[in-house]
């Protein structure tokens, strides 16, 4: 059960354990939970202490690298086979889901590195340019006859 009013030494000890958990692939939430501290409390500690904030940033970078390496390992791992020696399509689907989930997570945790890159370009002689933006509002007519005839 979490305890209120931890000493600075206790906070530092808990923080080291949380950062170690993150470096081993646990989310900040799971690492906090393992140490018996709510993530909101831990977040407040990080917000209040610049040294903890720097350590948290490094642990988060390490977590991203861990997930990236895990993604490569999963993608390169052999896929199971059935009793008859054929490739197990269920195992393929599971492995694909595991890789895709990690790719998605990486794109959210480190969008500059792992996110989709969007680039608009035109002909070098005629580059794209916004010339005019216009908003047109069209009011529809009622199709029903509204006369009292």
Protein backbone atom coordinates (compact mmCIF):
# COMPACT_ATOMS: atom_id res chain seq x y z
CA UNK A 1 0.00 0.00 0.00
CA UNK A 2 1.42 3.43 -0.91
CA UNK A 3 2.60 5.60 1.92
CA UNK A 4 2.14 9.34 2.01
CA UNK A 5 4.94 11.70 2.97
CA UNK A 6 8.01 9.75 1.84
CA UNK A 7 11.38 11.18 2.73
CA UNK A 8 13.65 12.46 -0.06
CA UNK A 9 15.82 9.36 0.40
CA UNK A 10 12.79 7.06 0.02
CA UNK A 11 11.66 8.98 -3.06
CA UNK A 12 15.11 8.63 -4.61
CA UNK A 13 15.14 4.89 -3.89
CA UNK A 14 11.69 4.41 -5.40
CA UNK A 15 12.66 6.54 -8.41
CA UNK A 16 15.79 4.45 -9.04
CA UNK A 17 13.66 1.30 -8.97
CA UNK A 18 11.06 2.82 -11.31
CA UNK A 19 13.76 3.93 -13.76
CA UNK A 20 15.36 0.47 -13.63
CA UNK A 21 11.99 -1.08 -14.41
CA UNK A 22 11.53 1.24 -17.37
CA UNK A 23 14.99 0.33 -18.66
CA UNK A 24 13.93 -3.34 -18.46
CA UNK A 25 10.91 -2.68 -20.68
CA UNK A 26 8.17 -1.88 -18.16
CA UNK A 27 5.92 1.10 -18.76
CA UNK A 28 6.19 3.93 -16.23
CA UNK A 29 2.78 2.86 -14.95
CA UNK A 30 3.83 -0.77 -14.42
CA UNK A 31 7.16 0.25 -12.87
CA UNK A 32 5.38 2.59 -10.43
CA UNK A 33 2.83 -0.08 -9.62
CA UNK A 34 5.63 -2.56 -8.85
CA UNK A 35 7.05 -0.05 -6.35
CA UNK A 36 3.69 0.62 -4.72
CA UNK A 37 3.51 4.26 -5.73
CA UNK A 38 0.71 5.75 -7.88
CA UNK A 39 1.96 7.06 -11.21
CA UNK A 40 0.33 10.43 -10.46
CA UNK A 41 2.40 10.73 -7.26
CA UNK A 42 5.55 9.72 -9.08
CA UNK A 43 4.77 12.24 -11.81
CA UNK A 44 4.47 14.96 -9.20
CA UNK A 45 7.87 14.00 -7.78
CA UNK A 46 9.38 14.23 -11.27
CA UNK A 47 7.72 17.62 -11.85
CA UNK A 48 9.10 18.97 -8.57
CA UNK A 49 12.69 17.71 -8.96
CA UNK A 50 14.77 18.63 -12.02
CA UNK A 51 17.27 15.82 -11.33
CA UNK A 52 14.46 13.26 -11.32
CA UNK A 53 13.07 14.84 -14.48
CA UNK A 54 16.40 14.37 -16.27
CA UNK A 55 16.65 10.75 -15.08
CA UNK A 56 13.06 10.11 -16.17
CA UNK A 57 13.82 11.47 -19.64
CA UNK A 58 16.85 9.17 -19.95
CA UNK A 59 14.87 6.17 -18.68
CA UNK A 60 12.13 6.93 -21.20
CA UNK A 61 14.71 7.06 -24.02
CA UNK A 62 16.07 3.72 -22.84
CA UNK A 63 12.54 2.29 -22.79
CA UNK A 64 11.99 3.41 -26.38
CA UNK A 65 15.26 1.78 -27.45
CA UNK A 66 14.30 -1.39 -25.57
CA UNK A 67 10.96 -1.55 -27.40
CA UNK A 68 12.67 -0.91 -30.76
CA UNK A 69 15.13 -3.74 -30.15
CA UNK A 70 12.31 -6.01 -28.99
CA UNK A 71 10.42 -5.24 -32.22
CA UNK A 72 13.39 -6.30 -34.33
CA UNK A 73 13.85 -9.49 -32.30
CA UNK A 74 10.17 -10.38 -32.68
CA UNK A 75 10.24 -9.72 -36.42
CA UNK A 76 13.36 -11.88 -36.85
CA UNK A 77 12.19 -14.74 -34.62
CA UNK A 78 11.23 -17.98 -36.33
CA UNK A 79 7.53 -18.71 -36.54
CA UNK A 80 6.06 -21.91 -35.15
CA UNK A 81 4.90 -24.81 -37.25
CA UNK A 82 1.96 -27.19 -37.08
CA UNK A 83 2.21 -30.91 -36.30
CA UNK A 84 2.50 -31.50 -40.06
CA UNK A 85 5.45 -29.13 -40.49
CA UNK A 86 3.50 -26.31 -42.13
CA UNK A 87 3.86 -22.73 -40.95
CA UNK A 88 1.32 -22.02 -38.20
CA UNK A 89 -0.84 -19.17 -39.51
CA UNK A 90 -2.05 -18.39 -35.99
CA UNK A 91 1.54 -17.95 -34.82
CA UNK A 92 2.24 -15.69 -37.80
CA UNK A 93 -0.80 -13.53 -36.96
CA UNK A 94 0.23 -13.31 -33.30
CA UNK A 95 3.79 -12.33 -34.18
CA UNK A 96 2.54 -9.72 -36.65
CA UNK A 97 0.23 -8.27 -33.98
CA UNK A 98 3.11 -8.10 -31.49
CA UNK A 99 5.34 -6.29 -33.99
CA UNK A 100 2.57 -3.93 -35.13
CA UNK A 101 1.64 -3.06 -31.53
CA UNK A 102 5.22 -2.15 -30.72
CA UNK A 103 5.60 -0.14 -33.93
CA UNK A 104 2.46 1.83 -33.04
CA UNK A 105 3.71 2.41 -29.50
CA UNK A 106 7.08 3.61 -30.79
CA UNK A 107 5.34 6.03 -33.15
CA UNK A 108 3.55 7.56 -30.14
CA UNK A 109 6.47 7.53 -27.68
CA UNK A 110 9.02 8.87 -30.18
CA UNK A 111 7.12 10.36 -33.13
CA UNK A 112 10.12 12.24 -34.55
CA UNK A 113 12.10 9.02 -34.82
CA UNK A 114 9.45 6.36 -35.39
CA UNK A 115 6.37 8.30 -36.52
CA UNK A 116 5.15 8.62 -40.07
CA UNK A 117 6.86 11.34 -42.04
CA UNK A 118 4.56 13.57 -44.05
CA UNK A 119 6.06 15.69 -46.75
CA UNK A 120 4.38 17.69 -49.45
CA UNK A 121 6.40 18.71 -52.44
CA UNK A 122 5.73 19.76 -55.97
CA UNK A 123 7.59 20.20 -59.17
CA UNK A 124 10.89 22.02 -58.42
CA UNK A 125 10.01 24.55 -61.12
CA UNK A 126 6.50 25.01 -59.72
CA UNK A 127 6.58 24.35 -55.95
CA UNK A 128 3.38 23.94 -54.01
CA UNK A 129 1.93 27.14 -52.63
CA UNK A 130 -1.31 28.06 -50.96
CA UNK A 131 -2.83 30.81 -53.04
CA UNK A 132 -6.31 31.14 -51.63
CA UNK A 133 -8.38 29.49 -48.95
CA UNK A 134 -12.09 30.05 -49.30
CA UNK A 135 -14.99 28.77 -47.24
CA UNK A 136 -18.30 28.37 -48.99
CA UNK A 137 -21.46 27.63 -47.05
CA UNK A 138 -24.34 26.23 -49.09
CA UNK A 139 -27.84 26.14 -47.65
CA UNK A 140 -30.01 23.35 -49.02
CA UNK A 141 -33.59 23.79 -50.18
CA UNK A 142 -36.45 21.93 -48.62
CA UNK A 143 -37.65 19.22 -50.97
CA UNK A 144 -41.09 19.02 -49.41
CA UNK A 145 -43.85 21.37 -50.52
CA UNK A 146 -44.59 23.74 -47.65
CA UNK A 147 -47.66 25.37 -49.19
CA UNK A 148 -51.10 25.04 -47.58
CA UNK A 149 -52.85 24.10 -50.81
